[in-house]
Amino acid sequence: MGIVGWIVLGLLAGAIAKLLLPGRDPGGFIVTTLIGVAGSFVGGWLSAHFLHRPVAKHFFDPATWGSAIVGALVLLVLYRLFFGNSRR
C-alpha cells in the first residue's frame, strides 16, 4: 500500500476515531482528520515494532484498519489532553 493509500486510510481512521470519541475538538474536523493520518502511521509503526505484527500491504486488511484506528484514537486523546483547554 502506497503513501496515498495510507493517507486515505488515515482520513477514514480519523473520521472513525472522531465517531468513537465524540466531543468538541480544539482544532475542528480538519485537524482531527490530519491526526487520523498521523495516527495511521503511528499505529502501523507500533504494530510492526512492538507487537511484531507488520502491517499488510493490503488496504482491506483488518489488522491494518485496527492499528490505524487505534493510532488515531491515541493521538486524538493526547491532542485533547494537551490542547483541549486552549480554546474557550
PDB file of N, CA and C in Angstrom:
ATOM      1  N   MET A   1       0.860  -1.167   0.000  1.00  0.00           N
ATOM      2  CA  MET A   1       0.000   0.000   0.000  1.00  0.00           C
ATOM      3  C   MET A   1       0.907   1.231   0.000  1.00  0.00           C
ATOM      4  N   GLY A   2       0.651   2.132  -0.909  1.00  0.00           N
ATOM      5  CA  GLY A   2       1.481   3.315  -1.050  1.00  0.00           C
ATOM      6  C   GLY A   2       1.077   4.437  -0.115  1.00  0.00           C
ATOM      7  N   ILE A   3       1.738   5.539  -0.264  1.00  0.00           N
ATOM      8  CA  ILE A   3       1.503   6.700   0.598  1.00  0.00           C
ATOM      9  C   ILE A   3       0.087   7.235   0.444  1.00  0.00           C
ATOM     10  N   VAL A   4      -0.446   7.199  -0.773  1.00  0.00           N
ATOM     11  CA  VAL A   4      -1.817   7.681  -0.989  1.00  0.00           C
ATOM     12  C   VAL A   4      -2.816   6.777  -0.261  1.00  0.00           C
ATOM     13  N   GLY A   5      -2.556   5.483  -0.276  1.00  0.00           N
ATOM     14  CA  GLY A   5      -3.413   4.555   0.459  1.00  0.00           C
ATOM     15  C   GLY A   5      -3.399   4.825   1.950  1.00  0.00           C
ATOM     16  N   TRP A   6      -2.207   5.125   2.499  1.00  0.00           N
ATOM     17  CA  TRP A   6      -2.107   5.443   3.925  1.00  0.00           C
ATOM     18  C   TRP A   6      -2.823   6.747   4.254  1.00  0.00           C
ATOM     19  N   ILE A   7      -2.757   7.706   3.349  1.00  0.00           N
ATOM     20  CA  ILE A   7      -3.450   8.972   3.592  1.00  0.00           C
ATOM     21  C   ILE A   7      -4.957   8.769   3.590  1.00  0.00           C
ATOM     22  N   VAL A   8      -5.455   8.015   2.622  1.00  0.00           N
ATOM     23  CA  VAL A   8      -6.898   7.733   2.573  1.00  0.00           C
ATOM     24  C   VAL A   8      -7.317   6.939   3.800  1.00  0.00           C
ATOM     25  N   LEU A   9      -6.526   5.935   4.150  1.00  0.00           N
ATOM     26  CA  LEU A   9      -6.823   5.141   5.343  1.00  0.00           C
ATOM     27  C   LEU A   9      -6.799   6.022   6.587  1.00  0.00           C
ATOM     28  N   GLY A  10      -5.840   6.938   6.667  1.00  0.00           N
ATOM     29  CA  GLY A  10      -5.752   7.837   7.812  1.00  0.00           C
ATOM     30  C   GLY A  10      -6.931   8.783   7.907  1.00  0.00           C
ATOM     31  N   LEU A  11      -7.388   9.286   6.759  1.00  0.00           N
ATOM     32  CA  LEU A  11      -8.576  10.152   6.768  1.00  0.00           C
ATOM     33  C   LEU A  11      -9.793   9.404   7.284  1.00  0.00           C
ATOM     34  N   LEU A  12      -9.955   8.180   6.811  1.00  0.00           N
ATOM     35  CA  LEU A  12     -11.086   7.372   7.276  1.00  0.00           C
ATOM     36  C   LEU A  12     -10.915   6.964   8.740  1.00  0.00           C
ATOM     37  N   ALA A  13      -9.687   6.642   9.143  1.00  0.00           N
ATOM     38  CA  ALA A  13      -9.439   6.281  10.544  1.00  0.00           C
ATOM     39  C   ALA A  13      -9.694   7.462  11.459  1.00  0.00           C
ATOM     40  N   GLY A  14      -9.326   8.666  11.015  1.00  0.00           N
ATOM     41  CA  GLY A  14      -9.602   9.862  11.811  1.00  0.00           C
ATOM     42  C   GLY A  14     -11.091  10.107  11.969  1.00  0.00           C
ATOM     43  N   ALA A  15     -11.844   9.873  10.904  1.00  0.00           N
ATOM     44  CA  ALA A  15     -13.304  10.039  10.985  1.00  0.00           C
ATOM     45  C   ALA A  15     -13.912   8.997  11.918  1.00  0.00           C
ATOM     46  N   ILE A  16     -13.429   7.771  11.840  1.00  0.00           N
ATOM     47  CA  ILE A  16     -13.935   6.713  12.728  1.00  0.00           C
ATOM     48  C   ILE A  16     -13.551   7.011  14.176  1.00  0.00           C
ATOM     49  N   ALA A  17     -12.327   7.481  14.400  1.00  0.00           N
ATOM     50  CA  ALA A  17     -11.895   7.838  15.759  1.00  0.00           C
ATOM     51  C   ALA A  17     -12.760   8.959  16.312  1.00  0.00           C
ATOM     52  N   LYS A  18     -13.116   9.909  15.466  1.00  0.00           N
ATOM     53  CA  LYS A  18     -13.990  11.007  15.897  1.00  0.00           C
ATOM     54  C   LYS A  18     -15.373  10.487  16.268  1.00  0.00           C
ATOM     55  N   LEU A  19     -15.875   9.508  15.522  1.00  0.00           N
ATOM     56  CA  LEU A  19     -17.167   8.909  15.861  1.00  0.00           C
ATOM     57  C   LEU A  19     -17.096   8.131  17.173  1.00  0.00           C
ATOM     58  N   LEU A  20     -15.980   7.450  17.408  1.00  0.00           N
ATOM     59  CA  LEU A  20     -15.825   6.667  18.638  1.00  0.00           C
ATOM     60  C   LEU A  20     -15.531   7.535  19.853  1.00  0.00           C
ATOM     61  N   LEU A  21     -14.988   8.722  19.621  1.00  0.00           N
ATOM     62  CA  LEU A  21     -14.614   9.633  20.695  1.00  0.00           C
ATOM     63  C   LEU A  21     -15.257  10.994  20.431  1.00  0.00           C
ATOM     64  N   PRO A  22     -16.572  11.068  20.611  1.00  0.00           N
ATOM     65  CA  PRO A  22     -17.253  12.319  20.283  1.00  0.00           C
ATOM     66  C   PRO A  22     -16.900  13.434  21.261  1.00  0.00           C
ATOM     67  N   GLY A  23     -17.216  14.603  20.867  1.00  0.00           N
ATOM     68  CA  GLY A  23     -16.943  15.755  21.712  1.00  0.00           C
ATOM     69  C   GLY A  23     -16.314  16.855  20.890  1.00  0.00           C
ATOM     70  N   ARG A  24     -16.084  17.937  21.557  1.00  0.00           N
ATOM     71  CA  ARG A  24     -15.523  19.098  20.881  1.00  0.00           C
ATOM     72  C   ARG A  24     -14.004  19.004  20.844  1.00  0.00           C
ATOM     73  N   ASP A  25     -13.462  19.081  19.650  1.00  0.00           N
ATOM     74  CA  ASP A  25     -12.011  19.047  19.489  1.00  0.00           C
ATOM     75  C   ASP A  25     -11.486  20.466  19.342  1.00  0.00           C
ATOM     76  N   PRO A  26     -10.305  20.721  19.872  1.00  0.00           N
ATOM     77  CA  PRO A  26      -9.748  22.064  19.781  1.00  0.00           C
ATOM     78  C   PRO A  26      -9.483  22.519  18.346  1.00  0.00           C
ATOM     79  N   GLY A  27      -9.202  21.605  17.428  1.00  0.00           N
ATOM     80  CA  GLY A  27      -8.828  22.002  16.079  1.00  0.00           C
ATOM     81  C   GLY A  27      -9.903  21.834  15.036  1.00  0.00           C
ATOM     82  N   GLY A  28     -11.005  21.218  15.369  1.00  0.00           N
ATOM     83  CA  GLY A  28     -12.061  21.016  14.396  1.00  0.00           C
ATOM     84  C   GLY A  28     -11.854  19.772  13.552  1.00  0.00           C
ATOM     85  N   PHE A  29     -12.645  19.681  12.491  1.00  0.00           N
ATOM     86  CA  PHE A  29     -12.670  18.475  11.668  1.00  0.00           C
ATOM     87  C   PHE A  29     -11.376  18.278  10.885  1.00  0.00           C
ATOM     88  N   ILE A  30     -10.814  19.342  10.356  1.00  0.00           N
ATOM     89  CA  ILE A  30      -9.610  19.210   9.535  1.00  0.00           C
ATOM     90  C   ILE A  30      -8.441  18.713  10.371  1.00  0.00           C
ATOM     91  N   VAL A  31      -8.246  19.287  11.542  1.00  0.00           N
ATOM     92  CA  VAL A  31      -7.152  18.844  12.410  1.00  0.00           C
ATOM     93  C   VAL A  31      -7.387  17.412  12.869  1.00  0.00           C
ATOM     94  N   THR A  32      -8.635  17.052  13.125  1.00  0.00           N
ATOM     95  CA  THR A  32      -8.952  15.688  13.539  1.00  0.00           C
ATOM     96  C   THR A  32      -8.602  14.690  12.450  1.00  0.00           C
ATOM     97  N   THR A  33      -8.895  15.024  11.201  1.00  0.00           N
ATOM     98  CA  THR A  33      -8.553  14.097  10.127  1.00  0.00           C
ATOM     99  C   THR A  33      -7.041  14.043   9.904  1.00  0.00           C
ATOM    100  N   LEU A  34      -6.343  15.157  10.092  1.00  0.00           N
ATOM    101  CA  LEU A  34      -4.885  15.124   9.998  1.00  0.00           C
ATOM    102  C   LEU A  34      -4.285  14.283  11.124  1.00  0.00           C
ATOM    103  N   ILE A  35      -4.896  14.335  12.291  1.00  0.00           N
ATOM    104  CA  ILE A  35      -4.469  13.474  13.387  1.00  0.00           C
ATOM    105  C   ILE A  35      -4.728  12.015  13.018  1.00  0.00           C
ATOM    106  N   GLY A  36      -5.803  11.762  12.286  1.00  0.00           N
ATOM    107  CA  GLY A  36      -6.075  10.407  11.808  1.00  0.00           C
ATOM    108  C   GLY A  36      -5.007   9.911  10.857  1.00  0.00           C
ATOM    109  N   VAL A  37      -4.532  10.774   9.975  1.00  0.00           N
ATOM    110  CA  VAL A  37      -3.455  10.395   9.057  1.00  0.00           C
ATOM    111  C   VAL A  37      -2.192  10.077   9.850  1.00  0.00           C
ATOM    112  N   ALA A  38      -1.835  10.953  10.779  1.00  0.00           N
ATOM    113  CA  ALA A  38      -0.653  10.703  11.613  1.00  0.00           C
ATOM    114  C   ALA A  38      -0.853   9.448  12.465  1.00  0.00           C
ATOM    115  N   GLY A  39      -2.072   9.253  12.949  1.00  0.00           N
ATOM    116  CA  GLY A  39      -2.372   8.075  13.761  1.00  0.00           C
ATOM    117  C   GLY A  39      -2.249   6.777  12.992  1.00  0.00           C
ATOM    118  N   SER A  40      -2.577   6.814  11.711  1.00  0.00           N
ATOM    119  CA  SER A  40      -2.436   5.592  10.927  1.00  0.00           C
ATOM    120  C   SER A  40      -0.964   5.226  10.759  1.00  0.00           C
ATOM    121  N   PHE A  41      -0.109   6.230  10.597  1.00  0.00           N
ATOM    122  CA  PHE A  41       1.325   5.958  10.529  1.00  0.00           C
ATOM    123  C   PHE A  41       1.846   5.457  11.874  1.00  0.00           C
ATOM    124  N   VAL A  42       1.439   6.118  12.956  1.00  0.00           N
ATOM    125  CA  VAL A  42       1.892   5.722  14.291  1.00  0.00           C
ATOM    126  C   VAL A  42       1.385   4.324  14.634  1.00  0.00           C
ATOM    127  N   GLY A  43       0.125   4.057  14.342  1.00  0.00           N
ATOM    128  CA  GLY A  43      -0.436   2.734  14.622  1.00  0.00           C
ATOM    129  C   GLY A  43       0.262   1.633  13.840  1.00  0.00           C
ATOM    130  N   GLY A  44       0.565   1.900  12.585  1.00  0.00           N
ATOM    131  CA  GLY A  44       1.291   0.919  11.784  1.00  0.00           C
ATOM    132  C   GLY A  44       2.696   0.685  12.304  1.00  0.00           C
ATOM    133  N   TRP A  45       3.353   1.756  12.709  1.00  0.00           N
ATOM    134  CA  TRP A  45       4.705   1.627  13.255  1.00  0.00           C
ATOM    135  C   TRP A  45       4.696   0.858  14.573  1.00  0.00           C
ATOM    136  N   LEU A  46       3.747   1.196  15.465  1.00  0.00           N
ATOM    137  CA  LEU A  46       3.652   0.495  16.746  1.00  0.00           C
ATOM    138  C   LEU A  46       3.336  -0.979  16.548  1.00  0.00           C
ATOM    139  N   SER A  47       2.450  -1.269  15.612  1.00  0.00           N
ATOM    140  CA  SER A  47       2.087  -2.653  15.333  1.00  0.00           C
ATOM    141  C   SER A  47       3.288  -3.447  14.830  1.00  0.00           C
ATOM    142  N   ALA A  48       4.069  -2.843  13.979  1.00  0.00           N
ATOM    143  CA  ALA A  48       5.215  -3.547  13.412  1.00  0.00           C
ATOM    144  C   ALA A  48       6.346  -3.720  14.416  1.00  0.00           C
ATOM    145  N   HIS A  49       6.590  -2.710  15.248  1.00  0.00           N
ATOM    146  CA  HIS A  49       7.760  -2.760  16.118  1.00  0.00           C
ATOM    147  C   HIS A  49       7.511  -3.368  17.498  1.00  0.00           C
ATOM    148  N   PHE A  50       6.359  -3.155  18.060  1.00  0.00           N
ATOM    149  CA  PHE A  50       6.128  -3.638  19.422  1.00  0.00           C
ATOM    150  C   PHE A  50       5.255  -4.883  19.492  1.00  0.00           C
ATOM    151  N   LEU A  51       4.362  -5.056  18.554  1.00  0.00           N
ATOM    152  CA  LEU A  51       3.507  -6.244  18.550  1.00  0.00           C
ATOM    153  C   LEU A  51       4.032  -7.312  17.606  1.00  0.00           C
ATOM    154  N   HIS A  52       5.104  -7.003  16.905  1.00  0.00           N
ATOM    155  CA  HIS A  52       5.706  -7.912  15.922  1.00  0.00           C
ATOM    156  C   HIS A  52       4.671  -8.395  14.900  1.00  0.00           C
ATOM    157  N   ARG A  53       3.763  -7.501  14.564  1.00  0.00           N
ATOM    158  CA  ARG A  53       2.728  -7.784  13.556  1.00  0.00           C
ATOM    159  C   ARG A  53       2.832  -6.713  12.485  1.00  0.00           C
ATOM    160  N   PRO A  54       3.680  -6.950  11.479  1.00  0.00           N
ATOM    161  CA  PRO A  54       3.793  -5.929  10.436  1.00  0.00           C
ATOM    162  C   PRO A  54       2.472  -5.716   9.720  1.00  0.00           C
ATOM    163  N   VAL A  55       2.252  -4.499   9.349  1.00  0.00           N
ATOM    164  CA  VAL A  55       1.019  -4.144   8.660  1.00  0.00           C
ATOM    165  C   VAL A  55       1.083  -4.702   7.246  1.00  0.00           C
ATOM    166  N   ALA A  56      -0.007  -5.310   6.830  1.00  0.00           N
ATOM    167  CA  ALA A  56      -0.067  -5.904   5.495  1.00  0.00           C
ATOM    168  C   ALA A  56      -0.071  -4.817   4.425  1.00  0.00           C
ATOM    169  N   LYS A  57       0.234  -5.205   3.244  1.00  0.00           N
ATOM    170  CA  LYS A  57       0.252  -4.252   2.143  1.00  0.00           C
ATOM    171  C   LYS A  57      -1.109  -4.163   1.460  1.00  0.00           C
ATOM    172  N   HIS A  58      -2.120  -4.732   2.066  1.00  0.00           N
ATOM    173  CA  HIS A  58      -3.465  -4.708   1.507  1.00  0.00           C
ATOM    174  C   HIS A  58      -4.304  -3.665   2.237  1.00  0.00           C
ATOM    175  N   PHE A  59      -5.075  -2.913   1.478  1.00  0.00           N
ATOM    176  CA  PHE A  59      -5.884  -1.840   2.047  1.00  0.00           C
ATOM    177  C   PHE A  59      -6.988  -2.379   2.942  1.00  0.00           C
ATOM    178  N   PHE A  60      -7.513  -3.544   2.640  1.00  0.00           N
ATOM    179  CA  PHE A  60      -8.677  -4.067   3.363  1.00  0.00           C
ATOM    180  C   PHE A  60      -8.312  -5.081   4.438  1.00  0.00           C
ATOM    181  N   ASP A  61      -7.080  -5.085   4.897  1.00  0.00           N
ATOM    182  CA  ASP A  61      -6.662  -5.978   5.964  1.00  0.00           C
ATOM    183  C   ASP A  61      -7.193  -5.462   7.300  1.00  0.00           C
ATOM    184  N   PRO A  62      -7.910  -6.291   8.066  1.00  0.00           N
ATOM    185  CA  PRO A  62      -8.470  -5.820   9.345  1.00  0.00           C
ATOM    186  C   PRO A  62      -7.413  -5.332  10.336  1.00  0.00           C
ATOM    187  N   ALA A  63      -6.235  -5.959  10.350  1.00  0.00           N
ATOM    188  CA  ALA A  63      -5.183  -5.517  11.270  1.00  0.00           C
ATOM    189  C   ALA A  63      -4.685  -4.128  10.895  1.00  0.00           C
ATOM    190  N   THR A  64      -4.634  -3.841   9.614  1.00  0.00           N
ATOM    191  CA  THR A  64      -4.226  -2.514   9.166  1.00  0.00           C
ATOM    192  C   THR A  64      -5.217  -1.470   9.629  1.00  0.00           C
ATOM    193  N   TRP A  65      -6.490  -1.749   9.461  1.00  0.00           N
ATOM    194  CA  TRP A  65      -7.535  -0.821   9.890  1.00  0.00           C
ATOM    195  C   TRP A  65      -7.525  -0.666  11.403  1.00  0.00           C
ATOM    196  N   GLY A  66      -7.374  -1.772  12.115  1.00  0.00           N
ATOM    197  CA  GLY A  66      -7.348  -1.704  13.581  1.00  0.00           C
ATOM    198  C   GLY A  66      -6.200  -0.874  14.100  1.00  0.00           C
ATOM    199  N   SER A  67      -5.014  -1.086  13.541  1.00  0.00           N
ATOM    200  CA  SER A  67      -3.863  -0.314  14.007  1.00  0.00           C
ATOM    201  C   SER A  67      -4.003   1.160  13.650  1.00  0.00           C
ATOM    202  N   ALA A  68      -4.582   1.465  12.491  1.00  0.00           N
ATOM    203  CA  ALA A  68      -4.773   2.868  12.103  1.00  0.00           C
ATOM    204  C   ALA A  68      -5.786   3.555  13.011  1.00  0.00           C
ATOM    205  N   ILE A  69      -6.874   2.880  13.330  1.00  0.00           N
ATOM    206  CA  ILE A  69      -7.908   3.472  14.183  1.00  0.00           C
ATOM    207  C   ILE A  69      -7.398   3.643  15.608  1.00  0.00           C
ATOM    208  N   VAL A  70      -6.700   2.639  16.126  1.00  0.00           N
ATOM    209  CA  VAL A  70      -6.155   2.755  17.479  1.00  0.00           C
ATOM    210  C   VAL A  70      -5.113   3.865  17.540  1.00  0.00           C
ATOM    211  N   GLY A  71      -4.270   3.954  16.537  1.00  0.00           N
ATOM    212  CA  GLY A  71      -3.289   5.041  16.497  1.00  0.00           C
ATOM    213  C   GLY A  71      -3.954   6.402  16.453  1.00  0.00           C
ATOM    214  N   ALA A  72      -5.027   6.526  15.664  1.00  0.00           N
ATOM    215  CA  ALA A  72      -5.755   7.794  15.594  1.00  0.00           C
ATOM    216  C   ALA A  72      -6.423   8.122  16.929  1.00  0.00           C
ATOM    217  N   LEU A  73      -6.985   7.109  17.588  1.00  0.00           N
ATOM    218  CA  LEU A  73      -7.602   7.336  18.896  1.00  0.00           C
ATOM    219  C   LEU A  73      -6.572   7.805  19.921  1.00  0.00           C
ATOM    220  N   VAL A  74      -5.407   7.175  19.922  1.00  0.00           N
ATOM    221  CA  VAL A  74      -4.364   7.549  20.884  1.00  0.00           C
ATOM    222  C   VAL A  74      -3.923   8.987  20.644  1.00  0.00           C
ATOM    223  N   LEU A  75      -3.669   9.338  19.387  1.00  0.00           N
ATOM    224  CA  LEU A  75      -3.241  10.706  19.101  1.00  0.00           C
ATOM    225  C   LEU A  75      -4.343  11.719  19.383  1.00  0.00           C
ATOM    226  N   LEU A  76      -5.591  11.352  19.136  1.00  0.00           N
ATOM    227  CA  LEU A  76      -6.706  12.257  19.416  1.00  0.00           C
ATOM    228  C   LEU A  76      -6.848  12.504  20.915  1.00  0.00           C
ATOM    229  N   VAL A  77      -6.692  11.462  21.713  1.00  0.00           N
ATOM    230  CA  VAL A  77      -6.760  11.618  23.172  1.00  0.00           C
ATOM    231  C   VAL A  77      -5.603  12.492  23.653  1.00  0.00           C
ATOM    232  N   LEU A  78      -4.396  12.234  23.147  1.00  0.00           N
ATOM    233  CA  LEU A  78      -3.251  13.058  23.540  1.00  0.00           C
ATOM    234  C   LEU A  78      -3.428  14.511  23.111  1.00  0.00           C
ATOM    235  N   TYR A  79      -3.971  14.710  21.928  1.00  0.00           N
ATOM    236  CA  TYR A  79      -4.209  16.068  21.443  1.00  0.00           C
ATOM    237  C   TYR A  79      -5.212  16.797  22.329  1.00  0.00           C
ATOM    238  N   ARG A  80      -6.264  16.094  22.735  1.00  0.00           N
ATOM    239  CA  ARG A  80      -7.250  16.717  23.630  1.00  0.00           C
ATOM    240  C   ARG A  80      -6.659  17.015  24.999  1.00  0.00           C
ATOM    241  N   LEU A  81      -5.780  16.140  25.486  1.00  0.00           N
ATOM    242  CA  LEU A  81      -5.152  16.381  26.785  1.00  0.00           C
ATOM    243  C   LEU A  81      -4.247  17.603  26.758  1.00  0.00           C
ATOM    244  N   PHE A  82      -3.472  17.747  25.698  1.00  0.00           N
ATOM    245  CA  PHE A  82      -2.509  18.854  25.632  1.00  0.00           C
ATOM    246  C   PHE A  82      -3.127  20.170  25.174  1.00  0.00           C
ATOM    247  N   PHE A  83      -4.089  20.110  24.258  1.00  0.00           N
ATOM    248  CA  PHE A  83      -4.619  21.350  23.678  1.00  0.00           C
ATOM    249  C   PHE A  83      -6.106  21.537  23.910  1.00  0.00           C
ATOM    250  N   GLY A  84      -6.714  20.720  24.730  1.00  0.00           N
ATOM    251  CA  GLY A  84      -8.161  20.786  24.920  1.00  0.00           C
ATOM    252  C   GLY A  84      -8.670  22.034  25.583  1.00  0.00           C
ATOM    253  N   ASN A  85      -7.917  22.630  26.465  1.00  0.00           N
ATOM    254  CA  ASN A  85      -8.381  23.797  27.207  1.00  0.00           C
ATOM    255  C   ASN A  85      -7.895  25.112  26.623  1.00  0.00           C
ATOM    256  N   SER A  86      -7.194  25.055  25.490  1.00  0.00           N
ATOM    257  CA  SER A  86      -6.617  26.269  24.963  1.00  0.00           C
ATOM    258  C   SER A  86      -7.639  27.126  24.205  1.00  0.00           C
ATOM    259  N   ARG A  87      -8.756  26.559  23.807  1.00  0.00           N
ATOM    260  CA  ARG A  87      -9.751  27.292  23.027  1.00  0.00           C
ATOM    261  C   ARG A  87     -11.020  27.473  23.852  1.00  0.00           C
ATOM    262  N   ARG A  88     -11.313  28.675  24.216  1.00  0.00           N
ATOM    263  CA  ARG A  88     -12.521  28.942  25.020  1.00  0.00           C
ATOM    264  C   ARG A  88     -13.255  30.117  24.496  1.00  0.00           C
TER     265      ARG A  88
END
